[in-house]
Every structure is written in C-alpha cells, then in structure tokens.
Amino acid sequence: MAIIIPVLVCAVIGLFAAVRMVVEQETPRKLLYLNVLNFAIAGSVVLLVPDIMGLFAAAAYFVGSTLESNAIASTLAGGVKRA
C-alpha cells in the first residue's frame, strides 16, 4: 500500500501535464508541461520497477527526454547563430 500512493501522485501529475500540454496554445508553455510529464514518467518508472535496472532505465529516459526538450527549445529559439 505504501508504494501505491507515490505512484498515484506521479500518475495524477502526469495526467494533468498531458491534458494541459494538449490544451495549451503557446508553444513555450507546452514545453514546460512536456518537461513535467517527463519527470512524472521517470518517477513512475523508478517507483514501479523495484530493481537497480529500473533506476538506470529512468535515468536514461530522463536524460534522453531532457536532451530532446532542449533540442526542441533551441530550434524554436532560432537555433545556433553562425557567423
């Protein structure tokens, strides 16, 4: 029972972020909710897989999703300016 409450909290936060991401009109705010959703997914993986490999999987997912979000944000901001 003790593990169910944190997983439910992650699920509710993830569901809220997913709904807000779909409803939101402004792209920068969508990216904010995408990051929150990525935190919720990584947290859920750590809580649901009771093994050290679950921690590694969550860390790999989190790093990959963070790099993806940064690439999207950089592209939207105009990318790298080259002389």
PDB file of N, CA and C in Angstrom:
ATOM      1  N   MET A   1       0.819  -1.205   0.000  1.00  0.00           N
ATOM      2  CA  MET A   1       0.000   0.000   0.000  1.00  0.00           C
ATOM      3  C   MET A   1       0.858   1.261   0.000  1.00  0.00           C
ATOM      4  N   ALA A   2       2.026   1.180   0.623  1.00  0.00           N
ATOM      5  CA  ALA A   2       2.865   2.376   0.744  1.00  0.00           C
ATOM      6  C   ALA A   2       3.401   2.842  -0.604  1.00  0.00           C
ATOM      7  N   ILE A   3       3.626   1.909  -1.536  1.00  0.00           N
ATOM      8  CA  ILE A   3       4.180   2.301  -2.839  1.00  0.00           C
ATOM      9  C   ILE A   3       3.101   2.835  -3.770  1.00  0.00           C
ATOM     10  N   ILE A   4       1.856   2.529  -3.492  1.00  0.00           N
ATOM     11  CA  ILE A   4       0.771   2.923  -4.397  1.00  0.00           C
ATOM     12  C   ILE A   4       0.542   4.446  -4.363  1.00  0.00           C
ATOM     13  N   ILE A   5       0.649   5.066  -3.213  1.00  0.00           N
ATOM     14  CA  ILE A   5       0.367   6.499  -3.099  1.00  0.00           C
ATOM     15  C   ILE A   5       1.346   7.332  -3.925  1.00  0.00           C
ATOM     16  N   PRO A   6       2.666   7.108  -3.839  1.00  0.00           N
ATOM     17  CA  PRO A   6       3.574   7.898  -4.694  1.00  0.00           C
ATOM     18  C   PRO A   6       3.351   7.673  -6.188  1.00  0.00           C
ATOM     19  N   VAL A   7       3.035   6.441  -6.578  1.00  0.00           N
ATOM     20  CA  VAL A   7       2.772   6.167  -7.990  1.00  0.00           C
ATOM     21  C   VAL A   7       1.511   6.904  -8.436  1.00  0.00           C
ATOM     22  N   LEU A   8       0.483   6.913  -7.598  1.00  0.00           N
ATOM     23  CA  LEU A   8      -0.740   7.641  -7.935  1.00  0.00           C
ATOM     24  C   LEU A   8      -0.486   9.144  -8.040  1.00  0.00           C
ATOM     25  N   VAL A   9       0.354   9.672  -7.174  1.00  0.00           N
ATOM     26  CA  VAL A   9       0.694  11.099  -7.247  1.00  0.00           C
ATOM     27  C   VAL A   9       1.408  11.394  -8.572  1.00  0.00           C
ATOM     28  N   CYS A  10       2.368  10.548  -8.961  1.00  0.00           N
ATOM     29  CA  CYS A  10       3.061  10.729 -10.243  1.00  0.00           C
ATOM     30  C   CYS A  10       2.084  10.616 -11.407  1.00  0.00           C
ATOM     31  N   ALA A  11       1.150   9.674 -11.306  1.00  0.00           N
ATOM     32  CA  ALA A  11       0.176   9.484 -12.392  1.00  0.00           C
ATOM     33  C   ALA A  11      -0.751  10.688 -12.527  1.00  0.00           C
ATOM     34  N   VAL A  12      -1.211  11.224 -11.409  1.00  0.00           N
ATOM     35  CA  VAL A  12      -2.097  12.390 -11.453  1.00  0.00           C
ATOM     36  C   VAL A  12      -1.357  13.606 -12.013  1.00  0.00           C
ATOM     37  N   ILE A  13      -0.138  13.810 -11.569  1.00  0.00           N
ATOM     38  CA  ILE A  13       0.652  14.932 -12.086  1.00  0.00           C
ATOM     39  C   ILE A  13       0.919  14.758 -13.575  1.00  0.00           C
ATOM     40  N   GLY A  14       1.259  13.538 -13.994  1.00  0.00           N
ATOM     41  CA  GLY A  14       1.495  13.271 -15.407  1.00  0.00           C
ATOM     42  C   GLY A  14       0.249  13.467 -16.254  1.00  0.00           C
ATOM     43  N   LEU A  15      -0.893  13.022 -15.750  1.00  0.00           N
ATOM     44  CA  LEU A  15      -2.153  13.201 -16.480  1.00  0.00           C
ATOM     45  C   LEU A  15      -2.506  14.683 -16.604  1.00  0.00           C
ATOM     46  N   PHE A  16      -2.326  15.428 -15.524  1.00  0.00           N
ATOM     47  CA  PHE A  16      -2.582  16.872 -15.550  1.00  0.00           C
ATOM     48  C   PHE A  16      -1.677  17.559 -16.576  1.00  0.00           C
ATOM     49  N   ALA A  17      -0.384  17.193 -16.571  1.00  0.00           N
ATOM     50  CA  ALA A  17       0.559  17.808 -17.510  1.00  0.00           C
ATOM     51  C   ALA A  17       0.208  17.445 -18.947  1.00  0.00           C
ATOM     52  N   ALA A  18      -0.221  16.204 -19.183  1.00  0.00           N
ATOM     53  CA  ALA A  18      -0.585  15.791 -20.539  1.00  0.00           C
ATOM     54  C   ALA A  18      -1.804  16.556 -21.046  1.00  0.00           C
ATOM     55  N   VAL A  19      -2.799  16.723 -20.188  1.00  0.00           N
ATOM     56  CA  VAL A  19      -4.002  17.461 -20.585  1.00  0.00           C
ATOM     57  C   VAL A  19      -3.661  18.920 -20.847  1.00  0.00           C
ATOM     58  N   ARG A  20      -2.881  19.527 -19.968  1.00  0.00           N
ATOM     59  CA  ARG A  20      -2.506  20.932 -20.157  1.00  0.00           C
ATOM     60  C   ARG A  20      -1.651  21.125 -21.403  1.00  0.00           C
ATOM     61  N   MET A  21      -0.812  20.136 -21.709  1.00  0.00           N
ATOM     62  CA  MET A  21       0.023  20.231 -22.901  1.00  0.00           C
ATOM     63  C   MET A  21      -0.828  20.218 -24.168  1.00  0.00           C
ATOM     64  N   VAL A  22      -1.882  19.425 -24.167  1.00  0.00           N
ATOM     65  CA  VAL A  22      -2.765  19.356 -25.334  1.00  0.00           C
ATOM     66  C   VAL A  22      -3.609  20.627 -25.456  1.00  0.00           C
ATOM     67  N   VAL A  23      -4.058  21.155 -24.328  1.00  0.00           N
ATOM     68  CA  VAL A  23      -4.973  22.301 -24.326  1.00  0.00           C
ATOM     69  C   VAL A  23      -4.233  23.625 -24.552  1.00  0.00           C
ATOM     70  N   GLU A  24      -2.992  23.707 -24.095  1.00  0.00           N
ATOM     71  CA  GLU A  24      -2.230  24.963 -24.138  1.00  0.00           C
ATOM     72  C   GLU A  24      -1.991  25.418 -25.577  1.00  0.00           C
ATOM     73  N   GLN A  25      -2.108  26.716 -25.805  1.00  0.00           N
ATOM     74  CA  GLN A  25      -1.926  27.297 -27.136  1.00  0.00           C
ATOM     75  C   GLN A  25      -0.486  27.743 -27.386  1.00  0.00           C
ATOM     76  N   GLU A  26       0.199  28.236 -26.363  1.00  0.00           N
ATOM     77  CA  GLU A  26       1.544  28.775 -26.522  1.00  0.00           C
ATOM     78  C   GLU A  26       2.577  27.655 -26.460  1.00  0.00           C
ATOM     79  N   THR A  27       3.467  27.617 -27.432  1.00  0.00           N
ATOM     80  CA  THR A  27       4.461  26.546 -27.518  1.00  0.00           C
ATOM     81  C   THR A  27       5.429  26.522 -26.336  1.00  0.00           C
ATOM     82  N   PRO A  28       5.944  27.654 -25.856  1.00  0.00           N
ATOM     83  CA  PRO A  28       6.850  27.575 -24.698  1.00  0.00           C
ATOM     84  C   PRO A  28       6.188  26.964 -23.461  1.00  0.00           C
ATOM     85  N   ARG A  29       4.926  27.234 -23.268  1.00  0.00           N
ATOM     86  CA  ARG A  29       4.227  26.631 -22.124  1.00  0.00           C
ATOM     87  C   ARG A  29       3.982  25.148 -22.354  1.00  0.00           C
ATOM     88  N   LYS A  30       3.785  24.755 -23.618  1.00  0.00           N
ATOM     89  CA  LYS A  30       3.654  23.327 -23.919  1.00  0.00           C
ATOM     90  C   LYS A  30       4.936  22.592 -23.544  1.00  0.00           C
ATOM     91  N   LEU A  31       6.082  23.201 -23.825  1.00  0.00           N
ATOM     92  CA  LEU A  31       7.360  22.583 -23.482  1.00  0.00           C
ATOM     93  C   LEU A  31       7.525  22.442 -21.969  1.00  0.00           C
ATOM     94  N   LEU A  32       7.030  23.411 -21.223  1.00  0.00           N
ATOM     95  CA  LEU A  32       7.061  23.326 -19.771  1.00  0.00           C
ATOM     96  C   LEU A  32       6.277  22.108 -19.286  1.00  0.00           C
ATOM     97  N   TYR A  33       5.089  21.905 -19.821  1.00  0.00           N
ATOM     98  CA  TYR A  33       4.280  20.759 -19.421  1.00  0.00           C
ATOM     99  C   TYR A  33       4.875  19.452 -19.930  1.00  0.00           C
ATOM    100  N   LEU A  34       5.567  19.487 -21.062  1.00  0.00           N
ATOM    101  CA  LEU A  34       6.258  18.294 -21.543  1.00  0.00           C
ATOM    102  C   LEU A  34       7.348  17.878 -20.564  1.00  0.00           C
ATOM    103  N   ASN A  35       8.079  18.837 -20.017  1.00  0.00           N
ATOM    104  CA  ASN A  35       9.108  18.525 -19.025  1.00  0.00           C
ATOM    105  C   ASN A  35       8.497  17.943 -17.759  1.00  0.00           C
ATOM    106  N   VAL A  36       7.374  18.494 -17.318  1.00  0.00           N
ATOM    107  CA  VAL A  36       6.699  17.952 -16.140  1.00  0.00           C
ATOM    108  C   VAL A  36       6.246  16.516 -16.397  1.00  0.00           C
ATOM    109  N   LEU A  37       5.726  16.263 -17.590  1.00  0.00           N
ATOM    110  CA  LEU A  37       5.312  14.915 -17.958  1.00  0.00           C
ATOM    111  C   LEU A  37       6.505  13.961 -17.947  1.00  0.00           C
ATOM    112  N   ASN A  38       7.647  14.415 -18.430  1.00  0.00           N
ATOM    113  CA  ASN A  38       8.847  13.575 -18.415  1.00  0.00           C
ATOM    114  C   ASN A  38       9.298  13.265 -16.997  1.00  0.00           C
ATOM    115  N   PHE A  39       9.222  14.234 -16.085  1.00  0.00           N
ATOM    116  CA  PHE A  39       9.526  13.979 -14.679  1.00  0.00           C
ATOM    117  C   PHE A  39       8.591  12.926 -14.104  1.00  0.00           C
ATOM    118  N   ALA A  40       7.301  13.036 -14.408  1.00  0.00           N
ATOM    119  CA  ALA A  40       6.316  12.089 -13.877  1.00  0.00           C
ATOM    120  C   ALA A  40       6.567  10.675 -14.400  1.00  0.00           C
ATOM    121  N   ILE A  41       6.907  10.552 -15.665  1.00  0.00           N
ATOM    122  CA  ILE A  41       7.177   9.225 -16.231  1.00  0.00           C
ATOM    123  C   ILE A  41       8.434   8.627 -15.609  1.00  0.00           C
ATOM    124  N   ALA A  42       9.496   9.410 -15.503  1.00  0.00           N
ATOM    125  CA  ALA A  42      10.734   8.900 -14.905  1.00  0.00           C
ATOM    126  C   ALA A  42      10.511   8.509 -13.452  1.00  0.00           C
ATOM    127  N   GLY A  43       9.769   9.307 -12.713  1.00  0.00           N
ATOM    128  CA  GLY A  43       9.463   8.964 -11.326  1.00  0.00           C
ATOM    129  C   GLY A  43       8.631   7.704 -11.212  1.00  0.00           C
ATOM    130  N   SER A  44       7.689   7.522 -12.106  1.00  0.00           N
ATOM    131  CA  SER A  44       6.860   6.321 -12.084  1.00  0.00           C
ATOM    132  C   SER A  44       7.680   5.074 -12.392  1.00  0.00           C
ATOM    133  N   VAL A  45       8.609   5.179 -13.330  1.00  0.00           N
ATOM    134  CA  VAL A  45       9.459   4.030 -13.661  1.00  0.00           C
ATOM    135  C   VAL A  45      10.285   3.613 -12.450  1.00  0.00           C
ATOM    136  N   VAL A  46      10.863   4.577 -11.753  1.00  0.00           N
ATOM    137  CA  VAL A  46      11.667   4.264 -10.569  1.00  0.00           C
ATOM    138  C   VAL A  46      10.806   3.597  -9.497  1.00  0.00           C
ATOM    139  N   LEU A  47       9.593   4.087  -9.320  1.00  0.00           N
ATOM    140  CA  LEU A  47       8.734   3.532  -8.266  1.00  0.00           C
ATOM    141  C   LEU A  47       8.156   2.165  -8.630  1.00  0.00           C
ATOM    142  N   LEU A  48       7.928   1.914  -9.903  1.00  0.00           N
ATOM    143  CA  LEU A  48       7.275   0.676 -10.303  1.00  0.00           C
ATOM    144  C   LEU A  48       8.235  -0.487 -10.540  1.00  0.00           C
ATOM    145  N   VAL A  49       9.489  -0.217 -10.851  1.00  0.00           N
ATOM    146  CA  VAL A  49      10.454  -1.284 -11.102  1.00  0.00           C
ATOM    147  C   VAL A  49      11.378  -1.383  -9.884  1.00  0.00           C
ATOM    148  N   PRO A  50      11.153  -2.377  -9.040  1.00  0.00           N
ATOM    149  CA  PRO A  50      11.924  -2.467  -7.789  1.00  0.00           C
ATOM    150  C   PRO A  50      13.288  -3.131  -7.981  1.00  0.00           C
ATOM    151  N   ASP A  51      14.077  -2.585  -8.878  1.00  0.00           N
ATOM    152  CA  ASP A  51      15.383  -3.152  -9.193  1.00  0.00           C
ATOM    153  C   ASP A  51      16.312  -1.990  -9.538  1.00  0.00           C
ATOM    154  N   ILE A  52      17.595  -2.225  -9.453  1.00  0.00           N
ATOM    155  CA  ILE A  52      18.548  -1.171  -9.792  1.00  0.00           C
ATOM    156  C   ILE A  52      18.466  -0.819 -11.276  1.00  0.00           C
ATOM    157  N   MET A  53      18.058  -1.778 -12.095  1.00  0.00           N
ATOM    158  CA  MET A  53      17.912  -1.508 -13.525  1.00  0.00           C
ATOM    159  C   MET A  53      16.769  -0.526 -13.792  1.00  0.00           C
ATOM    160  N   GLY A  54      15.768  -0.518 -12.933  1.00  0.00           N
ATOM    161  CA  GLY A  54      14.696   0.466 -13.048  1.00  0.00           C
ATOM    162  C   GLY A  54      15.221   1.877 -12.869  1.00  0.00           C
ATOM    163  N   LEU A  55      16.149   2.034 -11.940  1.00  0.00           N
ATOM    164  CA  LEU A  55      16.772   3.339 -11.725  1.00  0.00           C
ATOM    165  C   LEU A  55      17.572   3.756 -12.953  1.00  0.00           C
ATOM    166  N   PHE A  56      18.328   2.816 -13.525  1.00  0.00           N
ATOM    167  CA  PHE A  56      19.098   3.135 -14.730  1.00  0.00           C
ATOM    168  C   PHE A  56      18.189   3.454 -15.911  1.00  0.00           C
ATOM    169  N   ALA A  57      17.098   2.705 -16.039  1.00  0.00           N
ATOM    170  CA  ALA A  57      16.152   2.964 -17.134  1.00  0.00           C
ATOM    171  C   ALA A  57      15.518   4.337 -16.988  1.00  0.00           C
ATOM    172  N   ALA A  58      15.127   4.690 -15.765  1.00  0.00           N
ATOM    173  CA  ALA A  58      14.527   6.005 -15.529  1.00  0.00           C
ATOM    174  C   ALA A  58      15.535   7.120 -15.795  1.00  0.00           C
ATOM    175  N   ALA A  59      16.791   6.914 -15.381  1.00  0.00           N
ATOM    176  CA  ALA A  59      17.821   7.929 -15.620  1.00  0.00           C
ATOM    177  C   ALA A  59      18.078   8.097 -17.115  1.00  0.00           C
ATOM    178  N   ALA A  60      18.129   6.985 -17.846  1.00  0.00           N
ATOM    179  CA  ALA A  60      18.339   7.062 -19.293  1.00  0.00           C
ATOM    180  C   ALA A  60      17.170   7.759 -19.972  1.00  0.00           C
ATOM    181  N   TYR A  61      15.948   7.426 -19.561  1.00  0.00           N
ATOM    182  CA  TYR A  61      14.770   8.087 -20.130  1.00  0.00           C
ATOM    183  C   TYR A  61      14.795   9.574 -19.828  1.00  0.00           C
ATOM    184  N   PHE A  62      15.120   9.932 -18.586  1.00  0.00           N
ATOM    185  CA  PHE A  62      15.118  11.331 -18.190  1.00  0.00           C
ATOM    186  C   PHE A  62      16.172  12.131 -18.959  1.00  0.00           C
ATOM    187  N   VAL A  63      17.363  11.580 -19.090  1.00  0.00           N
ATOM    188  CA  VAL A  63      18.427  12.284 -19.828  1.00  0.00           C
ATOM    189  C   VAL A  63      18.031  12.442 -21.295  1.00  0.00           C
ATOM    190  N   GLY A  64      17.517  11.379 -21.899  1.00  0.00           N
ATOM    191  CA  GLY A  64      17.108  11.448 -23.295  1.00  0.00           C
ATOM    192  C   GLY A  64      15.985  12.439 -23.526  1.00  0.00           C
ATOM    193  N   SER A  65      14.997  12.441 -22.650  1.00  0.00           N
ATOM    194  CA  SER A  65      13.881  13.372 -22.821  1.00  0.00           C
ATOM    195  C   SER A  65      14.303  14.813 -22.564  1.00  0.00           C
ATOM    196  N   THR A  66      15.249  15.012 -21.659  1.00  0.00           N
ATOM    197  CA  THR A  66      15.758  16.361 -21.416  1.00  0.00           C
ATOM    198  C   THR A  66      16.524  16.875 -22.635  1.00  0.00           C
ATOM    199  N   LEU A  67      17.342  16.022 -23.236  1.00  0.00           N
ATOM    200  CA  LEU A  67      18.053  16.428 -24.454  1.00  0.00           C
ATOM    201  C   LEU A  67      17.075  16.735 -25.580  1.00  0.00           C
ATOM    202  N   GLU A  68      16.021  15.929 -25.685  1.00  0.00           N
ATOM    203  CA  GLU A  68      15.007  16.179 -26.713  1.00  0.00           C
ATOM    204  C   GLU A  68      14.314  17.520 -26.482  1.00  0.00           C
ATOM    205  N   SER A  69      13.926  17.799 -25.247  1.00  0.00           N
ATOM    206  CA  SER A  69      13.264  19.068 -24.936  1.00  0.00           C
ATOM    207  C   SER A  69      14.180  20.251 -25.203  1.00  0.00           C
ATOM    208  N   ASN A  70      15.461  20.104 -24.868  1.00  0.00           N
ATOM    209  CA  ASN A  70      16.415  21.185 -25.129  1.00  0.00           C
ATOM    210  C   ASN A  70      16.606  21.410 -26.619  1.00  0.00           C
ATOM    211  N   ALA A  71      16.608  20.331 -27.398  1.00  0.00           N
ATOM    212  CA  ALA A  71      16.750  20.480 -28.845  1.00  0.00           C
ATOM    213  C   ALA A  71      15.538  21.187 -29.445  1.00  0.00           C
ATOM    214  N   ILE A  72      14.356  20.833 -28.977  1.00  0.00           N
ATOM    215  CA  ILE A  72      13.136  21.487 -29.457  1.00  0.00           C
ATOM    216  C   ILE A  72      13.152  22.968 -29.094  1.00  0.00           C
ATOM    217  N   ALA A  73      13.505  23.268 -27.838  1.00  0.00           N
ATOM    218  CA  ALA A  73      13.527  24.659 -27.391  1.00  0.00           C
ATOM    219  C   ALA A  73      14.577  25.466 -28.160  1.00  0.00           C
ATOM    220  N   SER A  74      15.728  24.871 -28.419  1.00  0.00           N
ATOM    221  CA  SER A  74      16.776  25.564 -29.168  1.00  0.00           C
ATOM    222  C   SER A  74      16.318  25.852 -30.597  1.00  0.00           C
ATOM    223  N   THR A  75      15.634  24.888 -31.203  1.00  0.00           N
ATOM    224  CA  THR A  75      15.124  25.090 -32.562  1.00  0.00           C
ATOM    225  C   THR A  75      14.103  26.199 -32.597  1.00  0.00           C
ATOM    226  N   LEU A  76      13.199  26.221 -31.625  1.00  0.00           N
ATOM    227  CA  LEU A  76      12.178  27.260 -31.580  1.00  0.00           C
ATOM    228  C   LEU A  76      12.765  28.637 -31.294  1.00  0.00           C
ATOM    229  N   ALA A  77      13.881  28.663 -30.567  1.00  0.00           N
ATOM    230  CA  ALA A  77      14.518  29.942 -30.247  1.00  0.00           C
ATOM    231  C   ALA A  77      15.358  30.470 -31.400  1.00  0.00           C
ATOM    232  N   GLY A  78      15.505  29.708 -32.468  1.00  0.00           N
ATOM    233  CA  GLY A  78      16.250  30.184 -33.614  1.00  0.00           C
ATOM    234  C   GLY A  78      17.511  29.401 -33.893  1.00  0.00           C
ATOM    235  N   GLY A  79      17.816  28.428 -33.034  1.00  0.00           N
ATOM    236  CA  GLY A  79      18.991  27.597 -33.270  1.00  0.00           C
ATOM    237  C   GLY A  79      20.286  28.320 -32.985  1.00  0.00           C
ATOM    238  N   VAL A  80      21.352  27.726 -33.436  1.00  0.00           N
ATOM    239  CA  VAL A  80      22.694  28.290 -33.228  1.00  0.00           C
ATOM    240  C   VAL A  80      22.955  29.329 -34.307  1.00  0.00           C
ATOM    241  N   LYS A  81      23.395  30.511 -33.888  1.00  0.00           N
ATOM    242  CA  LYS A  81      23.729  31.590 -34.827  1.00  0.00           C
ATOM    243  C   LYS A  81      25.166  31.417 -35.274  1.00  0.00           C
ATOM    244  N   ARG A  82      25.362  31.253 -36.570  1.00  0.00           N
ATOM    245  CA  ARG A  82      26.721  31.082 -37.108  1.00  0.00           C
ATOM    246  C   ARG A  82      27.113  32.297 -37.926  1.00  0.00           C
ATOM    247  N   ALA A  83      28.358  32.671 -37.795  1.00  0.00           N
ATOM    248  CA  ALA A  83      28.840  33.859 -38.494  1.00  0.00           C
ATOM    249  C   ALA A  83      29.295  33.535 -39.893  1.00  0.00           C
TER     250      ALA A  83
END
